[in-house]
Amino acid sequence: MGFAYVAPIGMQNMYIINSSINYTKKELLITVFLTIVNDISLAVFCFLGIGRLITKFSSLSSYISYLGFFAILIVSYNIWNTKPKDTSSDKTLNRSKLILTPFAITWLNPQALLDGSVILGSMYSSFTSSISRSFFILGFSISSLLWFSILSLVVSYSKNLINSNIQIILNKASAIILVYFGIKLIIS
């Protein structure tokens, strides 16, 4: 269940792929760690009942969708304009960007919030004991840890096969896919 939730192409995966190509090893480790922490914390909140808040306050879903749409546009714009960089250089990313972006792509991602609250929230009631609930969320957390770590390793180790022109094409394609997700979210 955990892999089925985190594996589909989405904002976090696109961000990890892009980071694996463009960031230094230190920046990538921080990015992957913070993405995993944010993903697991969102999953726990969804599992424990953030969906009840969304259901109770129906307008909250609309606000989340619109806020998320604008967040997706900002992330897409930044990815679209990302230029390939020499990862062997000593230039590092702005620290606040390095910390805030994984938070934003997780917590301001309306698709993750809405899907998580529906999928994980409904799973909560299917377990009858706190032990089985604990094992489920632990398994989900392990899936998140493994998925983002493996994804970043695979892309990071194969990035030498990707020249700067391909990186630019991947960035543009990633941005277009994210805008598509945002439009799809607003329409639905």
Protein backbone atom coordinates (compact mmCIF):
# COMPACT_ATOMS: atom_id res chain seq x y z
CA MET A 1 0.00 0.00 0.00
CA GLY A 2 2.82 2.38 0.87
CA PHE A 3 4.57 1.88 -2.47
CA ALA A 4 1.30 2.26 -4.35
CA TYR A 5 0.80 5.60 -2.63
CA VAL A 6 4.28 7.13 -3.09
CA ALA A 7 5.40 5.62 -6.39
CA PRO A 8 3.06 7.29 -8.90
CA ILE A 9 4.52 10.35 -10.61
CA GLY A 10 3.78 13.39 -8.53
CA MET A 11 5.33 16.58 -7.20
CA GLN A 12 7.60 14.83 -4.71
CA ASN A 13 8.91 12.33 -7.25
CA MET A 14 9.51 15.03 -9.85
CA TYR A 15 11.32 17.11 -7.24
CA ILE A 16 13.53 14.20 -6.16
CA ILE A 17 14.37 13.38 -9.79
CA ASN A 18 15.21 17.00 -10.52
CA SER A 19 17.23 17.32 -7.30
CA SER A 20 19.12 14.10 -8.05
CA ILE A 21 20.22 15.56 -11.35
CA ASN A 22 21.00 19.12 -10.29
CA TYR A 23 22.03 19.11 -6.62
CA THR A 24 25.32 18.34 -4.94
CA LYS A 25 25.45 15.14 -2.89
CA LYS A 26 25.05 17.08 0.37
CA GLU A 27 22.07 19.04 -0.97
CA LEU A 28 20.51 15.85 -2.29
CA LEU A 29 20.88 14.05 1.06
CA ILE A 30 19.20 16.94 2.85
CA THR A 31 16.45 17.09 0.23
CA VAL A 32 15.72 13.36 0.34
CA PHE A 33 15.76 13.32 4.15
CA LEU A 34 13.37 16.28 4.41
CA THR A 35 11.08 14.88 1.71
CA ILE A 36 10.86 11.58 3.59
CA VAL A 37 10.20 13.33 6.93
CA ASN A 38 7.47 15.49 5.40
CA ASP A 39 5.92 12.56 3.52
CA ILE A 40 5.78 10.39 6.62
CA SER A 41 4.42 13.19 8.80
CA LEU A 42 1.70 13.95 6.23
CA ALA A 43 0.83 10.25 6.03
CA VAL A 44 0.52 10.04 9.82
CA PHE A 45 -1.72 13.10 9.93
CA CYS A 46 -3.86 11.75 7.08
CA PHE A 47 -4.03 8.32 8.70
CA LEU A 48 -5.03 9.77 12.06
CA GLY A 49 -7.80 11.88 10.65
CA ILE A 50 -6.99 15.05 8.77
CA GLY A 51 -9.66 13.79 6.37
CA ARG A 52 -12.27 14.33 9.09
CA LEU A 53 -11.37 18.02 9.14
CA ILE A 54 -11.65 18.23 5.37
CA THR A 55 -15.02 16.45 5.49
CA LYS A 56 -16.30 18.56 8.37
CA PHE A 57 -15.30 21.83 6.72
CA SER A 58 -16.15 21.21 3.07
CA SER A 59 -14.87 24.63 1.98
CA LEU A 60 -11.44 23.64 3.31
CA SER A 61 -11.09 21.26 0.38
CA SER A 62 -11.61 24.12 -2.08
CA TYR A 63 -9.10 26.34 -0.28
CA ILE A 64 -6.56 23.52 -0.25
CA SER A 65 -7.11 22.94 -3.97
CA TYR A 66 -6.64 26.59 -4.92
CA LEU A 67 -3.68 27.11 -2.62
CA GLY A 68 -2.15 23.91 -3.95
CA PHE A 69 -2.76 24.96 -7.56
CA PHE A 70 -0.76 28.14 -7.00
CA ALA A 71 1.97 26.21 -5.16
CA ILE A 72 2.15 23.79 -8.11
CA LEU A 73 2.46 26.74 -10.52
CA ILE A 74 5.32 28.23 -8.49
CA VAL A 75 7.17 24.91 -8.27
CA SER A 76 6.57 24.30 -11.99
CA TYR A 77 7.88 27.76 -12.86
CA ASN A 78 11.03 27.16 -10.80
CA ILE A 79 11.61 23.75 -12.38
CA TRP A 80 10.99 25.16 -15.87
CA ASN A 81 13.65 27.81 -15.29
CA THR A 82 16.17 25.52 -13.56
CA LYS A 83 19.41 25.44 -15.48
CA PRO A 84 21.69 22.41 -15.21
CA LYS A 85 24.52 23.14 -12.84
CA ASP A 86 27.94 21.69 -12.31
CA THR A 87 27.48 19.58 -9.19
CA SER A 88 31.21 19.55 -8.59
CA SER A 89 31.24 23.29 -7.93
CA ASP A 90 31.22 24.72 -4.42
CA LYS A 91 28.09 26.81 -4.98
CA THR A 92 25.30 25.69 -2.68
CA LEU A 93 21.59 26.34 -2.65
CA ASN A 94 19.93 28.88 -0.44
CA ARG A 95 19.41 27.10 2.88
CA SER A 96 15.82 28.23 3.30
CA LYS A 97 14.94 26.99 -0.20
CA LEU A 98 16.56 23.66 0.59
CA ILE A 99 14.43 23.31 3.74
CA LEU A 100 11.14 24.89 2.62
CA THR A 101 10.73 23.27 -0.79
CA PRO A 102 10.29 19.68 0.49
CA PHE A 103 7.77 21.04 2.99
CA ALA A 104 5.87 22.95 0.30
CA ILE A 105 5.76 20.11 -2.23
CA THR A 106 4.35 17.82 0.45
CA TRP A 107 2.09 19.93 2.65
CA LEU A 108 0.93 22.43 -0.01
CA ASN A 109 0.26 19.66 -2.49
CA PRO A 110 -3.53 19.38 -2.56
CA GLN A 111 -3.46 16.07 -4.37
CA ALA A 112 -1.34 14.56 -1.59
CA LEU A 113 -3.55 16.09 1.10
CA LEU A 114 -6.82 15.02 -0.46
CA ASP A 115 -5.71 11.60 -1.68
CA GLY A 116 -3.88 10.92 1.58
CA SER A 117 -6.84 11.86 3.71
CA VAL A 118 -9.17 9.66 1.67
CA ILE A 119 -6.89 6.65 1.18
CA LEU A 120 -5.06 6.62 4.50
CA GLY A 121 -8.00 7.94 6.51
CA SER A 122 -10.20 5.10 5.27
CA MET A 123 -7.47 2.57 6.06
CA TYR A 124 -7.48 3.67 9.70
CA SER A 125 -11.00 2.42 10.27
CA SER A 126 -10.26 -0.91 8.59
CA PHE A 127 -7.85 -1.88 11.40
CA THR A 128 -9.38 -3.05 14.65
CA SER A 129 -6.37 -2.78 16.96
CA SER A 130 -3.80 -0.14 17.67
CA ILE A 131 -1.06 -2.73 17.02
CA SER A 132 -2.26 -3.35 13.46
CA ARG A 133 -2.58 0.43 12.91
CA SER A 134 0.97 0.92 14.17
CA PHE A 135 2.31 -1.80 11.87
CA PHE A 136 0.47 -0.31 8.91
CA ILE A 137 1.85 3.20 9.40
CA LEU A 138 5.32 1.77 10.11
CA GLY A 139 5.17 -0.20 6.85
CA PHE A 140 4.01 2.91 5.04
CA SER A 141 6.89 4.89 6.52
CA ILE A 142 9.41 2.24 5.46
CA SER A 143 7.95 2.34 1.94
CA SER A 144 8.41 6.11 1.81
CA LEU A 145 11.97 5.83 3.09
CA LEU A 146 12.88 3.13 0.58
CA TRP A 147 11.12 4.72 -2.38
CA PHE A 148 12.64 8.20 -2.15
CA SER A 149 16.09 6.85 -1.24
CA ILE A 150 16.17 4.37 -4.13
CA LEU A 151 14.73 6.88 -6.60
CA SER A 152 17.37 9.45 -5.71
CA LEU A 153 20.18 6.87 -5.85
CA VAL A 154 19.16 5.52 -9.24
CA VAL A 155 18.81 8.96 -10.80
CA SER A 156 21.91 10.31 -9.07
CA TYR A 157 24.10 7.46 -10.26
CA SER A 158 22.76 7.58 -13.80
CA LYS A 159 22.87 11.37 -14.16
CA ASN A 160 26.25 11.16 -15.90
CA LEU A 161 24.37 9.59 -18.81
CA ILE A 162 22.22 12.70 -19.00
CA ASN A 163 23.77 15.73 -20.67
CA SER A 164 22.66 19.31 -20.04
CA ASN A 165 20.30 19.34 -23.05
CA ILE A 166 18.49 16.27 -21.73
CA GLN A 167 18.37 17.86 -18.26
CA ILE A 168 16.68 20.92 -19.73
CA ILE A 169 14.17 18.70 -21.56
CA LEU A 170 13.49 16.75 -18.35
CA ASN A 171 12.97 19.99 -16.42
CA LYS A 172 10.54 21.29 -19.05
CA ALA A 173 8.68 17.96 -19.14
CA SER A 174 8.51 17.87 -15.33
CA ALA A 175 7.10 21.39 -15.23
CA ILE A 176 4.48 20.55 -17.87
CA ILE A 177 3.42 17.39 -16.00
CA LEU A 178 3.06 19.35 -12.76
CA VAL A 179 0.98 22.06 -14.45
CA TYR A 180 -1.19 19.28 -15.90
CA PHE A 181 -1.71 17.89 -12.36
CA GLY A 182 -2.60 21.38 -11.14
CA ILE A 183 -5.14 21.97 -13.92
CA LYS A 184 -6.61 18.51 -13.41
CA LEU A 185 -6.95 19.27 -9.70
CA ILE A 186 -8.73 22.59 -10.27
CA ILE A 187 -11.09 21.06 -12.84
CA SER A 188 -12.01 18.17 -10.54
